[in-house]
Amino acid sequence: MKLKEINKLTKDQLHKNLEKFKKDLFNLRFRKINGQLTNPSKFRETKKTIARISTLINKK
């Protein structure tokens, strides 16, 4: 998710997206352990998106 897209969201939407990305990260960890992870960059991208959303939640 791009920063411009994240800035347009309301606080409730940010919380929902944060939970969604945390679940995605949890699933990516399991795929990594099992060797089923096809795109390792997705792991890093998801962590950065979680950080961006958390920062904006604290800001608002």
C-alpha atoms as a PDB file:
ATOM      1  CA  MET A   1       0.000   0.000   0.000  1.00  0.00           C
ATOM      2  CA  LYS A   2       1.319   3.423  -0.949  1.00  0.00           C
ATOM      3  CA  LEU A   3       1.596   6.257   1.553  1.00  0.00           C
ATOM      4  CA  LYS A   4      -0.870   8.387  -0.413  1.00  0.00           C
ATOM      5  CA  GLU A   5      -3.471   5.617  -0.183  1.00  0.00           C
ATOM      6  CA  ILE A   6      -2.873   5.220   3.546  1.00  0.00           C
ATOM      7  CA  ASN A   7      -3.232   8.964   4.210  1.00  0.00           C
ATOM      8  CA  LYS A   8      -6.729   8.978   2.718  1.00  0.00           C
ATOM      9  CA  LEU A   9      -8.051   6.369   5.159  1.00  0.00           C
ATOM     10  CA  THR A  10      -9.967   7.121   8.346  1.00  0.00           C
ATOM     11  CA  LYS A  11      -8.780   5.961  11.751  1.00  0.00           C
ATOM     12  CA  ASP A  12     -11.202   2.998  11.785  1.00  0.00           C
ATOM     13  CA  GLN A  13     -10.083   1.918   8.337  1.00  0.00           C
ATOM     14  CA  LEU A  14      -6.459   2.173   9.455  1.00  0.00           C
ATOM     15  CA  HIS A  15      -7.135  -0.153  12.380  1.00  0.00           C
ATOM     16  CA  LYS A  16      -8.855  -2.682  10.088  1.00  0.00           C
ATOM     17  CA  ASN A  17      -5.991  -2.570   7.604  1.00  0.00           C
ATOM     18  CA  LEU A  18      -3.445  -2.922  10.401  1.00  0.00           C
ATOM     19  CA  GLU A  19      -5.115  -6.114  11.596  1.00  0.00           C
ATOM     20  CA  LYS A  20      -5.296  -7.416   8.014  1.00  0.00           C
ATOM     21  CA  PHE A  21      -1.599  -6.816   7.399  1.00  0.00           C
ATOM     22  CA  LYS A  22      -0.652  -8.401  10.731  1.00  0.00           C
ATOM     23  CA  LYS A  23      -2.575 -11.542   9.718  1.00  0.00           C
ATOM     24  CA  ASP A  24      -0.826 -11.494   6.346  1.00  0.00           C
ATOM     25  CA  LEU A  25       2.553 -11.254   8.063  1.00  0.00           C
ATOM     26  CA  PHE A  26       1.625 -14.165  10.330  1.00  0.00           C
ATOM     27  CA  ASN A  27       0.731 -16.271   7.290  1.00  0.00           C
ATOM     28  CA  LEU A  28       3.914 -15.251   5.486  1.00  0.00           C
ATOM     29  CA  ARG A  29       5.982 -16.466   8.449  1.00  0.00           C
ATOM     30  CA  PHE A  30       4.375 -19.898   8.218  1.00  0.00           C
ATOM     31  CA  ARG A  31       4.946 -20.039   4.466  1.00  0.00           C
ATOM     32  CA  LYS A  32       8.589 -19.096   4.997  1.00  0.00           C
ATOM     33  CA  ILE A  33       9.090 -21.898   7.514  1.00  0.00           C
ATOM     34  CA  ASN A  34       7.408 -24.456   5.248  1.00  0.00           C
ATOM     35  CA  GLY A  35       9.340 -23.307   2.193  1.00  0.00           C
ATOM     36  CA  GLN A  36       6.208 -22.233   0.322  1.00  0.00           C
ATOM     37  CA  LEU A  37       7.112 -18.545   0.136  1.00  0.00           C
ATOM     38  CA  THR A  38       7.427 -17.632  -3.536  1.00  0.00           C
ATOM     39  CA  ASN A  39       8.070 -13.899  -3.154  1.00  0.00           C
ATOM     40  CA  PRO A  40      10.396 -13.073  -0.224  1.00  0.00           C
ATOM     41  CA  SER A  41      10.124  -9.334  -0.864  1.00  0.00           C
ATOM     42  CA  LYS A  42       6.449  -9.509   0.170  1.00  0.00           C
ATOM     43  CA  PHE A  43       7.626 -10.207   3.735  1.00  0.00           C
ATOM     44  CA  ARG A  44       9.635  -6.979   3.910  1.00  0.00           C
ATOM     45  CA  GLU A  45       6.957  -4.940   2.134  1.00  0.00           C
ATOM     46  CA  THR A  46       4.284  -6.091   4.602  1.00  0.00           C
ATOM     47  CA  LYS A  47       6.436  -5.135   7.591  1.00  0.00           C
ATOM     48  CA  LYS A  48       7.004  -1.653   6.163  1.00  0.00           C
ATOM     49  CA  THR A  49       3.285  -1.174   5.518  1.00  0.00           C
ATOM     50  CA  ILE A  50       2.490  -2.157   9.109  1.00  0.00           C
ATOM     51  CA  ALA A  51       5.009   0.431  10.326  1.00  0.00           C
ATOM     52  CA  ARG A  52       3.507   3.137   8.098  1.00  0.00           C
ATOM     53  CA  ILE A  53      -0.021   2.432   9.306  1.00  0.00           C
ATOM     54  CA  SER A  54       1.039   2.317  12.954  1.00  0.00           C
ATOM     55  CA  THR A  55       2.811   5.652  12.585  1.00  0.00           C
ATOM     56  CA  LEU A  56      -0.262   7.298  11.076  1.00  0.00           C
ATOM     57  CA  ILE A  57      -2.527   5.891  13.781  1.00  0.00           C
ATOM     58  CA  ASN A  58      -0.285   7.420  16.447  1.00  0.00           C
ATOM     59  CA  LYS A  59      -0.146  10.675  14.515  1.00  0.00           C
ATOM     60  CA  LYS A  60      -3.930  10.991  14.295  1.00  0.00           C
END
